[in-house]
């Protein structure tokens, strides 16, 4: 999505820039607005930083930095001369918006790291978590049904409130807490510091 947005911004800027460049090459006088679009009110006007140059040319900082790495004219020390840079950008639009080998390699390494992190159980896929929660809910429901409907009623008959509370603690609450505590590791082998991530 970022690449498409950059392409749209650059395409629009180049569309506005081309007739002005043609006018300048023909020796015709440029208006103040046209000079500003070319990067300043006068020839040779510099920007003190890549960020300032990008803002003046209506480009992203990433595009200007990439132009610098590719050896574009208009960079002198920390200063950027938009008037020298913009014609080069207009001629190299496709190269500026294509992914570089470094970007492709970075994405490949990020994918490998993701795969390794999954193997090390640093992340848990959302589908696994949802399946575990569903399974756990079913087990808790079975415990409650078994204890409250079948086992406890005869045991609780005739007991006082304190005695009923103690029975509930040992025979209902205890088993459910044990399920909540131990079931994650038994079910998926996850660690306590694992993070939940969307399935890829």
N, C-alpha and C. Protein backbone atom coordinates (compact mmCIF):
# COMPACT_ATOMS: atom_id res chain seq x y z
N UNK A 1 0.81 -1.20 0.00
CA UNK A 1 0.00 0.00 0.00
C UNK A 1 0.86 1.26 0.00
N UNK A 2 1.99 1.23 0.74
CA UNK A 2 2.88 2.38 0.78
C UNK A 2 3.46 2.65 -0.59
N UNK A 3 3.87 1.57 -1.31
CA UNK A 3 4.44 1.73 -2.65
C UNK A 3 3.42 2.34 -3.59
N UNK A 4 2.17 1.90 -3.54
CA UNK A 4 1.13 2.44 -4.42
C UNK A 4 0.89 3.91 -4.14
N UNK A 5 0.90 4.28 -2.86
CA UNK A 5 0.69 5.68 -2.51
C UNK A 5 1.84 6.53 -3.03
N UNK A 6 3.06 6.03 -2.88
CA UNK A 6 4.22 6.76 -3.40
C UNK A 6 4.12 6.94 -4.91
N UNK A 7 3.72 5.86 -5.60
CA UNK A 7 3.59 5.94 -7.04
C UNK A 7 2.56 6.99 -7.46
N UNK A 8 1.44 7.03 -6.74
CA UNK A 8 0.39 8.00 -7.07
C UNK A 8 0.88 9.42 -6.84
N UNK A 9 1.57 9.65 -5.69
CA UNK A 9 2.09 10.99 -5.39
C UNK A 9 3.11 11.42 -6.43
N UNK A 10 4.02 10.49 -6.76
CA UNK A 10 5.06 10.83 -7.73
C UNK A 10 4.47 11.05 -9.12
N UNK A 11 3.52 10.22 -9.51
CA UNK A 11 2.91 10.37 -10.83
C UNK A 11 2.22 11.72 -10.96
N UNK A 12 1.50 12.14 -9.90
CA UNK A 12 0.82 13.43 -9.92
C UNK A 12 1.82 14.57 -9.97
N UNK A 13 2.90 14.43 -9.19
CA UNK A 13 3.91 15.49 -9.17
C UNK A 13 4.62 15.60 -10.52
N UNK A 14 4.93 14.45 -11.10
CA UNK A 14 5.60 14.46 -12.41
C UNK A 14 4.69 15.06 -13.48
N UNK A 15 3.38 14.74 -13.39
CA UNK A 15 2.43 15.29 -14.36
C UNK A 15 2.42 16.81 -14.32
N UNK A 16 2.51 17.37 -13.11
CA UNK A 16 2.53 18.83 -12.97
C UNK A 16 3.90 19.41 -13.35
N UNK A 17 4.93 18.61 -13.18
CA UNK A 17 6.29 19.10 -13.39
C UNK A 17 6.71 19.14 -14.85
N UNK A 18 6.25 18.17 -15.65
CA UNK A 18 6.74 18.03 -17.02
C UNK A 18 6.51 19.28 -17.90
N UNK A 19 5.30 19.87 -17.89
CA UNK A 19 5.12 21.07 -18.72
C UNK A 19 5.98 22.24 -18.25
N UNK A 20 6.24 22.31 -16.94
CA UNK A 20 7.09 23.40 -16.42
C UNK A 20 8.52 23.20 -16.87
N UNK A 21 9.00 21.95 -16.84
CA UNK A 21 10.36 21.66 -17.32
C UNK A 21 10.50 21.97 -18.80
N UNK A 22 9.48 21.61 -19.57
CA UNK A 22 9.51 21.91 -21.01
C UNK A 22 9.55 23.41 -21.24
N UNK A 23 8.80 24.14 -20.46
CA UNK A 23 8.76 25.60 -20.57
C UNK A 23 10.12 26.20 -20.23
N UNK A 24 10.75 25.65 -19.17
CA UNK A 24 12.06 26.16 -18.77
C UNK A 24 13.11 25.85 -19.82
N UNK A 25 13.07 24.66 -20.41
CA UNK A 25 14.04 24.28 -21.44
C UNK A 25 13.89 25.14 -22.69
N UNK A 26 12.65 25.56 -22.92
CA UNK A 26 12.40 26.41 -24.10
C UNK A 26 12.82 27.86 -23.86
N UNK A 27 13.28 28.16 -22.65
CA UNK A 27 13.74 29.51 -22.34
C UNK A 27 12.62 30.47 -21.97
N UNK A 28 11.45 29.96 -21.72
CA UNK A 28 10.33 30.82 -21.35
C UNK A 28 10.38 31.16 -19.87
N UNK A 29 9.84 32.34 -19.54
CA UNK A 29 9.85 32.81 -18.16
C UNK A 29 8.83 32.01 -17.34
N UNK A 30 9.24 31.60 -16.16
CA UNK A 30 8.37 30.84 -15.28
C UNK A 30 7.68 31.77 -14.28
N UNK A 31 6.46 31.40 -13.93
CA UNK A 31 5.74 32.16 -12.90
C UNK A 31 6.32 31.82 -11.53
N UNK A 32 5.94 32.62 -10.53
CA UNK A 32 6.40 32.35 -9.18
C UNK A 32 5.96 30.99 -8.69
N UNK A 33 4.71 30.62 -9.01
CA UNK A 33 4.19 29.31 -8.60
C UNK A 33 4.96 28.18 -9.26
N UNK A 34 5.31 28.39 -10.56
CA UNK A 34 6.09 27.36 -11.27
C UNK A 34 7.50 27.23 -10.70
N UNK A 35 8.11 28.36 -10.35
CA UNK A 35 9.43 28.32 -9.75
C UNK A 35 9.39 27.62 -8.39
N UNK A 36 8.32 27.89 -7.63
CA UNK A 36 8.17 27.25 -6.33
C UNK A 36 8.03 25.74 -6.47
N UNK A 37 7.30 25.31 -7.49
CA UNK A 37 7.12 23.88 -7.73
C UNK A 37 8.44 23.21 -8.10
N UNK A 38 9.30 23.97 -8.78
CA UNK A 38 10.61 23.45 -9.14
C UNK A 38 11.58 23.41 -7.96
N UNK A 39 11.18 24.04 -6.85
CA UNK A 39 12.01 23.91 -5.66
C UNK A 39 12.53 25.20 -5.10
N UNK A 40 11.99 26.32 -5.44
CA UNK A 40 12.43 27.56 -4.83
C UNK A 40 12.16 28.75 -5.71
N UNK A 41 12.23 29.94 -5.14
CA UNK A 41 11.93 31.17 -5.87
C UNK A 41 13.06 31.57 -6.79
N UNK A 42 14.21 30.96 -6.66
CA UNK A 42 15.32 31.32 -7.54
C UNK A 42 16.21 30.14 -7.77
N UNK A 43 17.01 30.17 -8.84
CA UNK A 43 17.87 29.04 -9.14
C UNK A 43 18.90 28.82 -8.05
N UNK A 44 19.16 27.54 -7.76
CA UNK A 44 20.18 27.22 -6.79
C UNK A 44 19.74 27.30 -5.35
N UNK A 45 18.46 27.58 -5.08
CA UNK A 45 18.01 27.67 -3.71
C UNK A 45 18.00 26.28 -3.08
N UNK A 46 18.64 26.14 -1.91
CA UNK A 46 18.83 24.82 -1.29
C UNK A 46 17.95 24.65 -0.07
N UNK A 47 17.71 23.38 0.26
CA UNK A 47 17.04 23.01 1.50
C UNK A 47 18.09 22.47 2.46
N UNK A 48 17.90 22.72 3.73
CA UNK A 48 18.89 22.33 4.72
C UNK A 48 18.84 20.85 5.08
N UNK A 49 17.79 20.16 4.69
CA UNK A 49 17.67 18.74 5.05
C UNK A 49 16.85 18.00 4.00
N UNK A 50 16.96 16.67 4.04
CA UNK A 50 16.17 15.84 3.12
C UNK A 50 14.68 16.01 3.42
N UNK A 51 14.33 16.12 4.71
CA UNK A 51 12.93 16.29 5.08
C UNK A 51 12.35 17.58 4.50
N UNK A 52 13.12 18.67 4.59
CA UNK A 52 12.66 19.95 4.06
C UNK A 52 12.52 19.89 2.54
N UNK A 53 13.47 19.22 1.89
CA UNK A 53 13.42 19.08 0.43
C UNK A 53 12.22 18.25 0.01
N UNK A 54 11.96 17.17 0.73
CA UNK A 54 10.82 16.31 0.41
C UNK A 54 9.52 17.08 0.55
N UNK A 55 9.40 17.88 1.62
CA UNK A 55 8.18 18.67 1.81
C UNK A 55 8.01 19.70 0.71
N UNK A 56 9.08 20.33 0.30
CA UNK A 56 9.00 21.35 -0.75
C UNK A 56 8.62 20.73 -2.09
N UNK A 57 9.11 19.53 -2.36
CA UNK A 57 8.82 18.89 -3.64
C UNK A 57 7.57 18.01 -3.60
N UNK A 58 6.92 17.97 -2.44
CA UNK A 58 5.71 17.17 -2.27
C UNK A 58 6.01 15.69 -2.51
N UNK A 59 7.11 15.22 -1.96
CA UNK A 59 7.52 13.82 -2.06
C UNK A 59 7.70 13.25 -0.66
N UNK A 60 7.81 11.93 -0.57
CA UNK A 60 8.10 11.33 0.72
C UNK A 60 9.60 11.38 0.98
N UNK A 61 9.96 11.38 2.26
CA UNK A 61 11.37 11.39 2.64
C UNK A 61 12.07 10.14 2.09
N UNK A 62 11.35 9.01 2.10
CA UNK A 62 11.94 7.77 1.60
C UNK A 62 12.36 7.86 0.14
N UNK A 63 11.54 8.52 -0.68
CA UNK A 63 11.87 8.66 -2.10
C UNK A 63 13.12 9.52 -2.27
N UNK A 64 13.21 10.61 -1.53
CA UNK A 64 14.38 11.50 -1.66
C UNK A 64 15.64 10.78 -1.18
N UNK A 65 15.52 10.04 -0.10
CA UNK A 65 16.69 9.28 0.38
C UNK A 65 17.12 8.23 -0.63
N UNK A 66 16.15 7.58 -1.25
CA UNK A 66 16.48 6.56 -2.25
C UNK A 66 17.16 7.21 -3.45
N UNK A 67 16.68 8.39 -3.85
CA UNK A 67 17.31 9.12 -4.96
C UNK A 67 18.77 9.43 -4.63
N UNK A 68 19.02 9.81 -3.38
CA UNK A 68 20.40 10.10 -2.97
C UNK A 68 21.27 8.86 -3.06
N UNK A 69 20.73 7.71 -2.58
CA UNK A 69 21.50 6.45 -2.64
C UNK A 69 21.80 6.04 -4.08
N UNK A 70 20.90 6.42 -4.99
CA UNK A 70 21.07 6.05 -6.39
C UNK A 70 21.97 7.01 -7.14
N UNK A 71 22.51 8.02 -6.44
CA UNK A 71 23.45 8.94 -7.07
C UNK A 71 22.82 10.10 -7.80
N UNK A 72 21.62 10.49 -7.43
CA UNK A 72 20.94 11.60 -8.09
C UNK A 72 21.68 12.90 -7.85
N UNK A 73 21.59 13.85 -8.79
CA UNK A 73 22.21 15.17 -8.58
C UNK A 73 21.40 15.98 -7.58
N UNK A 74 22.02 17.05 -7.07
CA UNK A 74 21.30 17.95 -6.19
C UNK A 74 21.60 17.75 -4.71
N UNK A 75 22.50 16.82 -4.40
CA UNK A 75 22.87 16.60 -3.00
C UNK A 75 24.31 17.08 -2.79
N UNK A 76 24.46 18.02 -1.88
CA UNK A 76 25.79 18.54 -1.57
C UNK A 76 25.91 18.64 -0.05
N UNK A 77 26.62 17.67 0.54
CA UNK A 77 26.70 17.62 1.99
C UNK A 77 25.32 17.32 2.56
N UNK A 78 24.91 18.14 3.53
CA UNK A 78 23.58 17.96 4.12
C UNK A 78 22.51 18.76 3.37
N UNK A 79 22.91 19.52 2.38
CA UNK A 79 21.96 20.36 1.64
C UNK A 79 21.41 19.63 0.41
N UNK A 80 20.18 19.98 0.07
CA UNK A 80 19.52 19.41 -1.10
C UNK A 80 19.05 20.55 -2.00
N UNK A 81 19.33 20.42 -3.31
CA UNK A 81 18.93 21.43 -4.28
C UNK A 81 17.80 20.86 -5.14
N UNK A 82 16.55 21.16 -4.79
CA UNK A 82 15.41 20.58 -5.50
C UNK A 82 15.41 20.85 -7.00
N UNK A 83 15.90 22.02 -7.39
CA UNK A 83 15.88 22.36 -8.82
C UNK A 83 16.76 21.41 -9.63
N UNK A 84 17.84 20.93 -9.03
CA UNK A 84 18.71 19.97 -9.71
C UNK A 84 18.17 18.55 -9.59
N UNK A 85 17.47 18.29 -8.49
CA UNK A 85 17.02 16.93 -8.21
C UNK A 85 15.74 16.55 -8.95
N UNK A 86 14.80 17.46 -9.05
CA UNK A 86 13.48 17.11 -9.58
C UNK A 86 13.49 16.59 -11.02
N UNK A 87 14.27 17.17 -11.95
CA UNK A 87 14.29 16.58 -13.30
C UNK A 87 14.76 15.12 -13.29
N UNK A 88 15.74 14.83 -12.43
CA UNK A 88 16.24 13.44 -12.33
C UNK A 88 15.14 12.53 -11.80
N UNK A 89 14.41 12.98 -10.79
CA UNK A 89 13.32 12.20 -10.23
C UNK A 89 12.25 11.93 -11.29
N UNK A 90 11.94 12.93 -12.09
CA UNK A 90 10.93 12.76 -13.14
C UNK A 90 11.35 11.69 -14.14
N UNK A 91 12.64 11.59 -14.43
CA UNK A 91 13.13 10.63 -15.41
C UNK A 91 13.32 9.22 -14.81
N UNK A 92 13.35 9.13 -13.50
CA UNK A 92 13.64 7.84 -12.85
C UNK A 92 12.51 7.39 -11.94
N UNK A 93 11.30 7.78 -12.29
CA UNK A 93 10.14 7.48 -11.45
C UNK A 93 9.99 5.98 -11.20
N UNK A 94 10.10 5.17 -12.26
CA UNK A 94 9.91 3.72 -12.11
C UNK A 94 10.95 3.11 -11.19
N UNK A 95 12.19 3.55 -11.34
CA UNK A 95 13.27 3.01 -10.50
C UNK A 95 13.08 3.39 -9.03
N UNK A 96 12.52 4.56 -8.79
CA UNK A 96 12.33 5.02 -7.42
C UNK A 96 11.20 4.29 -6.71
N UNK A 97 10.21 3.82 -7.45
CA UNK A 97 9.07 3.17 -6.82
C UNK A 97 9.18 1.66 -6.83
N UNK A 98 10.14 1.08 -7.55
CA UNK A 98 10.37 -0.36 -7.50
C UNK A 98 11.10 -0.73 -6.22
N UNK A 99 10.85 -1.93 -5.73
CA UNK A 99 11.55 -2.40 -4.55
C UNK A 99 13.01 -2.68 -4.88
N UNK A 100 13.89 -2.25 -3.99
CA UNK A 100 15.31 -2.51 -4.17
C UNK A 100 15.64 -3.93 -3.70
N UNK A 101 16.83 -4.37 -4.07
CA UNK A 101 17.29 -5.69 -3.62
C UNK A 101 17.36 -5.73 -2.09
N UNK A 102 17.77 -4.59 -1.48
CA UNK A 102 17.86 -4.54 -0.03
C UNK A 102 16.48 -4.70 0.61
N UNK A 103 15.46 -4.07 0.02
CA UNK A 103 14.11 -4.20 0.56
C UNK A 103 13.60 -5.64 0.44
N UNK A 104 13.86 -6.25 -0.71
CA UNK A 104 13.44 -7.64 -0.91
C UNK A 104 14.13 -8.56 0.08
N UNK A 105 15.44 -8.35 0.28
CA UNK A 105 16.19 -9.17 1.23
C UNK A 105 15.69 -8.94 2.66
N UNK A 106 15.37 -7.70 2.98
CA UNK A 106 14.85 -7.38 4.31
C UNK A 106 13.53 -8.11 4.57
N UNK A 107 12.65 -8.14 3.56
CA UNK A 107 11.38 -8.84 3.70
C UNK A 107 11.60 -10.35 3.85
N UNK A 108 12.57 -10.88 3.10
CA UNK A 108 12.87 -12.31 3.19
C UNK A 108 13.36 -12.66 4.59
N UNK A 109 14.26 -11.84 5.14
CA UNK A 109 14.79 -12.10 6.47
C UNK A 109 13.71 -11.95 7.54
N UNK A 110 12.80 -10.99 7.33
CA UNK A 110 11.71 -10.82 8.28
C UNK A 110 10.80 -12.06 8.29
N UNK A 111 10.58 -12.63 7.11
CA UNK A 111 9.78 -13.84 7.02
C UNK A 111 10.46 -15.01 7.71
N UNK A 112 11.79 -15.13 7.54
CA UNK A 112 12.53 -16.21 8.21
C UNK A 112 12.47 -16.05 9.72
N UNK A 113 12.60 -14.81 10.20
CA UNK A 113 12.54 -14.56 11.64
C UNK A 113 11.17 -14.94 12.18
N UNK A 114 10.11 -14.60 11.41
CA UNK A 114 8.75 -14.95 11.84
C UNK A 114 8.60 -16.46 11.98
N UNK A 115 9.12 -17.20 10.99
CA UNK A 115 9.02 -18.66 11.02
C UNK A 115 9.77 -19.23 12.23
N UNK A 116 10.96 -18.67 12.50
CA UNK A 116 11.76 -19.16 13.64
C UNK A 116 11.08 -18.83 14.97
N UNK A 117 10.49 -17.64 15.05
CA UNK A 117 9.80 -17.26 16.29
C UNK A 117 8.60 -18.17 16.55
N UNK A 118 7.91 -18.57 15.47
CA UNK A 118 6.79 -19.50 15.65
C UNK A 118 7.28 -20.85 16.15
N UNK A 119 8.41 -21.32 15.59
CA UNK A 119 8.95 -22.61 16.02
C UNK A 119 9.38 -22.56 17.49
N UNK A 120 9.92 -21.40 17.92
CA UNK A 120 10.36 -21.24 19.31
C UNK A 120 9.20 -20.92 20.25
N UNK A 121 7.97 -20.89 19.72
CA UNK A 121 6.77 -20.62 20.50
C UNK A 121 6.80 -19.23 21.14
N UNK A 122 7.47 -18.26 20.48
CA UNK A 122 7.44 -16.88 20.97
C UNK A 122 6.11 -16.22 20.60
N UNK A 123 5.46 -16.76 19.61
CA UNK A 123 4.14 -16.27 19.20
C UNK A 123 3.20 -17.47 19.08
N UNK A 124 1.94 -17.21 19.25
CA UNK A 124 0.92 -18.24 19.09
C UNK A 124 -0.09 -17.74 18.06
N UNK A 125 -0.37 -18.54 17.08
CA UNK A 125 -1.34 -18.15 16.06
C UNK A 125 -2.73 -18.02 16.67
N UNK A 126 -3.45 -17.02 16.22
CA UNK A 126 -4.77 -16.74 16.77
C UNK A 126 -5.69 -17.97 16.66
N UNK A 127 -5.58 -18.69 15.56
CA UNK A 127 -6.43 -19.86 15.38
C UNK A 127 -6.18 -20.91 16.47
N UNK A 128 -4.90 -21.07 16.88
CA UNK A 128 -4.58 -22.02 17.94
C UNK A 128 -5.18 -21.57 19.27
N UNK A 129 -5.11 -20.26 19.53
CA UNK A 129 -5.65 -19.74 20.79
C UNK A 129 -7.16 -19.91 20.83
N UNK A 130 -7.82 -19.60 19.71
CA UNK A 130 -9.28 -19.74 19.66
C UNK A 130 -9.69 -21.20 19.87
N UNK A 131 -8.92 -22.11 19.25
CA UNK A 131 -9.24 -23.54 19.42
C UNK A 131 -9.04 -23.97 20.87
N UNK A 132 -7.96 -23.46 21.51
CA UNK A 132 -7.71 -23.79 22.91
C UNK A 132 -8.83 -23.25 23.81
N UNK A 133 -9.25 -22.00 23.57
CA UNK A 133 -10.31 -21.41 24.40
C UNK A 133 -11.61 -22.20 24.25
N UNK A 134 -11.93 -22.59 23.03
CA UNK A 134 -13.15 -23.38 22.80
C UNK A 134 -13.08 -24.71 23.54
N UNK A 135 -11.93 -25.37 23.43
CA UNK A 135 -11.75 -26.66 24.10
C UNK A 135 -11.82 -26.52 25.62
N UNK A 136 -11.18 -25.45 26.13
CA UNK A 136 -11.17 -25.22 27.57
C UNK A 136 -12.58 -24.93 28.08
N UNK A 137 -13.34 -24.14 27.35
CA UNK A 137 -14.71 -23.82 27.76
C UNK A 137 -15.55 -25.10 27.84
N UNK A 138 -15.33 -26.00 26.88
CA UNK A 138 -16.07 -27.26 26.88
C UNK A 138 -15.70 -28.12 28.09
N UNK A 139 -14.41 -28.13 28.45
CA UNK A 139 -13.97 -28.90 29.60
C UNK A 139 -14.52 -28.33 30.90
N UNK A 140 -14.53 -27.00 31.01
CA UNK A 140 -15.09 -26.37 32.21
C UNK A 140 -16.58 -26.68 32.32
N UNK A 141 -17.28 -26.62 31.18
CA UNK A 141 -18.71 -26.95 31.19
C UNK A 141 -18.93 -28.39 31.65
N UNK A 142 -18.08 -29.30 31.21
CA UNK A 142 -18.22 -30.70 31.61
C UNK A 142 -17.98 -30.88 33.11
N UNK A 143 -16.97 -30.13 33.63
CA UNK A 143 -16.70 -30.21 35.07
C UNK A 143 -17.91 -29.72 35.86
N UNK A 144 -18.46 -28.57 35.45
CA UNK A 144 -19.61 -28.01 36.15
C UNK A 144 -20.82 -28.95 36.08
N UNK A 145 -21.04 -29.51 34.91
CA UNK A 145 -22.19 -30.41 34.76
C UNK A 145 -22.02 -31.66 35.63
N UNK A 146 -20.82 -32.21 35.59
CA UNK A 146 -20.57 -33.43 36.36
C UNK A 146 -20.69 -33.19 37.86
N UNK A 147 -20.08 -32.09 38.32
CA UNK A 147 -20.07 -31.83 39.76
C UNK A 147 -21.42 -31.34 40.27
N UNK A 148 -21.98 -30.31 39.59
CA UNK A 148 -23.18 -29.66 40.11
C UNK A 148 -24.45 -30.48 39.88
N UNK A 149 -24.46 -31.21 38.79
CA UNK A 149 -25.69 -31.95 38.48
C UNK A 149 -25.68 -33.37 39.04
N UNK A 150 -24.51 -34.02 39.02
CA UNK A 150 -24.48 -35.44 39.37
C UNK A 150 -23.87 -35.74 40.74
N UNK A 151 -22.70 -35.18 41.03
CA UNK A 151 -21.95 -35.60 42.21
C UNK A 151 -22.30 -34.84 43.49
N UNK A 152 -22.40 -33.50 43.37
CA UNK A 152 -22.53 -32.70 44.58
C UNK A 152 -23.90 -32.73 45.25
N UNK A 153 -25.01 -32.75 44.51
CA UNK A 153 -26.30 -32.67 45.22
C UNK A 153 -26.46 -33.62 46.40
N UNK A 154 -26.16 -34.91 46.25
CA UNK A 154 -26.31 -35.78 47.42
C UNK A 154 -25.29 -35.48 48.52
N UNK A 155 -24.11 -35.01 48.14
CA UNK A 155 -23.08 -34.70 49.13
C UNK A 155 -23.41 -33.44 49.92
N UNK A 156 -24.15 -32.51 49.30
CA UNK A 156 -24.45 -31.24 49.95
C UNK A 156 -25.72 -31.30 50.82
N UNK A 157 -26.46 -32.34 50.65
CA UNK A 157 -27.73 -32.45 51.38
C UNK A 157 -27.49 -32.45 52.89
N UNK A 158 -28.18 -31.53 53.57
CA UNK A 158 -28.09 -31.44 55.02
C UNK A 158 -26.90 -30.67 55.55
N UNK A 159 -26.02 -30.17 54.67
CA UNK A 159 -24.84 -29.43 55.13
C UNK A 159 -25.18 -27.96 55.37
N UNK A 160 -24.37 -27.35 56.22
CA UNK A 160 -24.52 -25.91 56.48
C UNK A 160 -23.80 -25.12 55.38
N UNK A 161 -24.06 -23.79 55.39
CA UNK A 161 -23.50 -22.92 54.34
C UNK A 161 -21.99 -23.01 54.28
N UNK A 162 -21.31 -22.98 55.43
CA UNK A 162 -19.85 -23.03 55.45
C UNK A 162 -19.35 -24.36 54.90
N UNK A 163 -20.03 -25.43 55.20
CA UNK A 163 -19.63 -26.74 54.72
C UNK A 163 -19.86 -26.86 53.21
N UNK A 164 -20.98 -26.28 52.73
CA UNK A 164 -21.25 -26.27 51.28
C UNK A 164 -20.17 -25.48 50.55
N UNK A 165 -19.78 -24.33 51.14
CA UNK A 165 -18.73 -23.50 50.53
C UNK A 165 -17.41 -24.26 50.43
N UNK A 166 -17.07 -25.00 51.47
CA UNK A 166 -15.83 -25.78 51.46
C UNK A 166 -15.88 -26.88 50.40
N UNK A 167 -17.04 -27.54 50.27
CA UNK A 167 -17.20 -28.57 49.24
C UNK A 167 -17.04 -27.98 47.84
N UNK A 168 -17.68 -26.82 47.62
CA UNK A 168 -17.60 -26.16 46.31
C UNK A 168 -16.16 -25.79 45.97
N UNK A 169 -15.44 -25.31 47.00
CA UNK A 169 -14.04 -24.91 46.79
C UNK A 169 -13.20 -26.10 46.35
N UNK A 170 -13.36 -27.21 47.03
CA UNK A 170 -12.51 -28.36 46.74
C UNK A 170 -12.91 -29.15 45.51
N UNK A 171 -14.21 -29.23 45.24
CA UNK A 171 -14.66 -30.13 44.17
C UNK A 171 -15.06 -29.43 42.88
N UNK A 172 -15.24 -28.10 42.92
CA UNK A 172 -15.63 -27.37 41.70
C UNK A 172 -14.60 -26.31 41.33
N UNK A 173 -14.38 -25.39 42.26
CA UNK A 173 -13.46 -24.28 41.95
C UNK A 173 -12.04 -24.78 41.74
N UNK A 174 -11.59 -25.71 42.58
CA UNK A 174 -10.23 -26.25 42.46
C UNK A 174 -9.96 -26.88 41.10
N UNK A 175 -10.79 -27.82 40.64
CA UNK A 175 -10.56 -28.43 39.33
C UNK A 175 -10.56 -27.42 38.18
N UNK A 176 -11.44 -26.42 38.25
CA UNK A 176 -11.49 -25.42 37.18
C UNK A 176 -10.22 -24.58 37.18
N UNK A 177 -9.75 -24.19 38.37
CA UNK A 177 -8.50 -23.41 38.44
C UNK A 177 -7.32 -24.21 37.91
N UNK A 178 -7.31 -25.52 38.19
CA UNK A 178 -6.22 -26.35 37.66
C UNK A 178 -6.27 -26.43 36.15
N UNK A 179 -7.47 -26.47 35.59
CA UNK A 179 -7.61 -26.46 34.13
C UNK A 179 -7.04 -25.16 33.55
N UNK A 180 -7.39 -24.05 34.18
CA UNK A 180 -6.93 -22.75 33.67
C UNK A 180 -5.42 -22.60 33.80
N UNK A 181 -4.84 -23.22 34.83
CA UNK A 181 -3.41 -23.04 35.07
C UNK A 181 -2.56 -23.94 34.18
N UNK A 182 -2.96 -25.17 34.01
CA UNK A 182 -2.10 -26.14 33.34
C UNK A 182 -2.51 -26.44 31.90
N UNK A 183 -3.72 -26.14 31.53
CA UNK A 183 -4.19 -26.51 30.20
C UNK A 183 -3.44 -25.83 29.07
N UNK A 184 -3.02 -24.52 29.19
CA UNK A 184 -2.31 -23.89 28.06
C UNK A 184 -1.07 -24.66 27.63
N UNK A 185 -0.22 -25.09 28.60
CA UNK A 185 0.99 -25.81 28.25
C UNK A 185 0.67 -27.20 27.74
N UNK A 186 -0.31 -27.84 28.36
CA UNK A 186 -0.66 -29.19 27.91
C UNK A 186 -1.26 -29.17 26.51
N UNK A 187 -1.98 -28.10 26.21
CA UNK A 187 -2.69 -28.03 24.93
C UNK A 187 -1.77 -27.64 23.79
N UNK A 188 -0.91 -26.62 24.02
CA UNK A 188 -0.13 -26.09 22.88
C UNK A 188 1.35 -25.93 23.16
N UNK A 189 1.80 -26.17 24.38
CA UNK A 189 3.22 -26.04 24.68
C UNK A 189 3.70 -24.62 24.70
N UNK A 190 2.81 -23.64 24.87
CA UNK A 190 3.22 -22.24 24.84
C UNK A 190 3.89 -21.86 26.14
N UNK A 191 4.70 -20.77 26.04
CA UNK A 191 5.36 -20.24 27.22
C UNK A 191 4.55 -19.08 27.77
N UNK A 192 4.91 -18.70 28.99
CA UNK A 192 4.18 -17.62 29.63
C UNK A 192 4.36 -16.29 28.93
N UNK A 193 5.49 -16.08 28.21
CA UNK A 193 5.73 -14.79 27.58
C UNK A 193 5.38 -14.79 26.10
N UNK A 194 4.61 -15.77 25.66
CA UNK A 194 4.22 -15.83 24.25
C UNK A 194 3.22 -14.73 23.94
N UNK A 195 3.23 -14.28 22.70
CA UNK A 195 2.29 -13.28 22.24
C UNK A 195 1.34 -13.90 21.24
N UNK A 196 0.12 -13.37 21.20
CA UNK A 196 -0.88 -13.86 20.25
C UNK A 196 -0.77 -13.02 18.98
N UNK A 197 -0.66 -13.67 17.83
CA UNK A 197 -0.56 -12.98 16.55
C UNK A 197 -1.58 -13.54 15.57
N UNK A 198 -1.95 -12.69 14.60
CA UNK A 198 -2.85 -13.15 13.55
C UNK A 198 -2.18 -14.27 12.75
N UNK A 199 -2.97 -15.22 12.27
CA UNK A 199 -2.41 -16.25 11.40
C UNK A 199 -1.89 -15.61 10.14
N UNK A 200 -0.75 -16.13 9.66
CA UNK A 200 -0.17 -15.58 8.43
C UNK A 200 -0.44 -16.52 7.28
